[in-house]
Amino acid sequence: MITLTNAGYWTLIGLSAIFGYMLHGIIESIKDGTFFDWGDEDETHMHERK
């Protein structure tokens, strides 16, 4: 088993928070329909969050 120091625990907590924040953004963009709009830069429509 791997033993972690205090710095290791804080690093894991920080990475978990960053990953959770990114995952939240991805899920929100899937919900409002903008996640799968890659490559549509030439279109002029705008998606607005509700």
C-alpha atoms as a PDB file:
ATOM      1  CA  MET A   1       0.000   0.000   0.000  1.00  0.00           C
ATOM      2  CA  ILE A   2       1.151   3.516  -0.775  1.00  0.00           C
ATOM      3  CA  THR A   3       1.571   5.884   2.136  1.00  0.00           C
ATOM      4  CA  LEU A   4       0.852   9.559   1.478  1.00  0.00           C
ATOM      5  CA  THR A   5       2.293  12.578   3.165  1.00  0.00           C
ATOM      6  CA  ASN A   6       0.264  15.680   3.972  1.00  0.00           C
ATOM      7  CA  ALA A   7       1.404  17.212   0.685  1.00  0.00           C
ATOM      8  CA  GLY A   8       0.184  14.112  -1.122  1.00  0.00           C
ATOM      9  CA  TYR A   9      -3.244  14.368   0.466  1.00  0.00           C
ATOM     10  CA  TRP A  10      -3.546  18.070  -0.377  1.00  0.00           C
ATOM     11  CA  THR A  11      -2.466  17.352  -3.948  1.00  0.00           C
ATOM     12  CA  LEU A  12      -5.145  14.671  -4.300  1.00  0.00           C
ATOM     13  CA  ILE A  13      -7.780  16.972  -2.824  1.00  0.00           C
ATOM     14  CA  GLY A  14      -6.785  19.771  -5.194  1.00  0.00           C
ATOM     15  CA  LEU A  15      -6.774  17.513  -8.251  1.00  0.00           C
ATOM     16  CA  SER A  16     -10.144  16.080  -7.258  1.00  0.00           C
ATOM     17  CA  ALA A  17     -11.617  19.567  -6.941  1.00  0.00           C
ATOM     18  CA  ILE A  18     -10.231  20.613 -10.338  1.00  0.00           C
ATOM     19  CA  PHE A  19     -11.490  17.424 -11.992  1.00  0.00           C
ATOM     20  CA  GLY A  20     -14.922  17.864 -10.397  1.00  0.00           C
ATOM     21  CA  TYR A  21     -15.114  21.444 -11.642  1.00  0.00           C
ATOM     22  CA  MET A  22     -14.199  20.356 -15.176  1.00  0.00           C
ATOM     23  CA  LEU A  23     -16.658  17.456 -15.088  1.00  0.00           C
ATOM     24  CA  HIS A  24     -19.414  19.805 -13.917  1.00  0.00           C
ATOM     25  CA  GLY A  25     -18.774  22.088 -16.887  1.00  0.00           C
ATOM     26  CA  ILE A  26     -18.846  19.176 -19.321  1.00  0.00           C
ATOM     27  CA  ILE A  27     -22.117  17.841 -17.906  1.00  0.00           C
ATOM     28  CA  GLU A  28     -23.721  21.298 -18.002  1.00  0.00           C
ATOM     29  CA  SER A  29     -22.694  21.803 -21.635  1.00  0.00           C
ATOM     30  CA  ILE A  30     -24.122  18.394 -22.558  1.00  0.00           C
ATOM     31  CA  LYS A  31     -27.399  19.326 -20.832  1.00  0.00           C
ATOM     32  CA  ASP A  32     -27.764  22.632 -22.674  1.00  0.00           C
ATOM     33  CA  GLY A  33     -26.698  21.122 -26.000  1.00  0.00           C
ATOM     34  CA  THR A  34     -23.456  22.989 -26.636  1.00  0.00           C
ATOM     35  CA  PHE A  35     -20.977  20.181 -25.947  1.00  0.00           C
ATOM     36  CA  PHE A  36     -21.438  18.469 -29.319  1.00  0.00           C
ATOM     37  CA  ASP A  37     -21.202  21.674 -31.373  1.00  0.00           C
ATOM     38  CA  TRP A  38     -17.513  21.210 -32.150  1.00  0.00           C
ATOM     39  CA  GLY A  39     -16.573  22.360 -35.620  1.00  0.00           C
ATOM     40  CA  ASP A  40     -19.594  24.647 -35.977  1.00  0.00           C
ATOM     41  CA  GLU A  41     -17.602  27.865 -35.861  1.00  0.00           C
ATOM     42  CA  ASP A  42     -18.965  28.966 -39.249  1.00  0.00           C
ATOM     43  CA  GLU A  43     -22.550  28.873 -37.993  1.00  0.00           C
ATOM     44  CA  THR A  44     -23.952  32.039 -36.497  1.00  0.00           C
ATOM     45  CA  HIS A  45     -26.349  30.607 -33.922  1.00  0.00           C
ATOM     46  CA  MET A  46     -25.671  31.148 -30.254  1.00  0.00           C
ATOM     47  CA  HIS A  47     -26.649  28.867 -27.402  1.00  0.00           C
ATOM     48  CA  GLU A  48     -27.556  30.630 -24.215  1.00  0.00           C
ATOM     49  CA  ARG A  49     -27.664  28.994 -20.808  1.00  0.00           C
ATOM     50  CA  LYS A  50     -30.944  29.128 -19.017  1.00  0.00           C
END
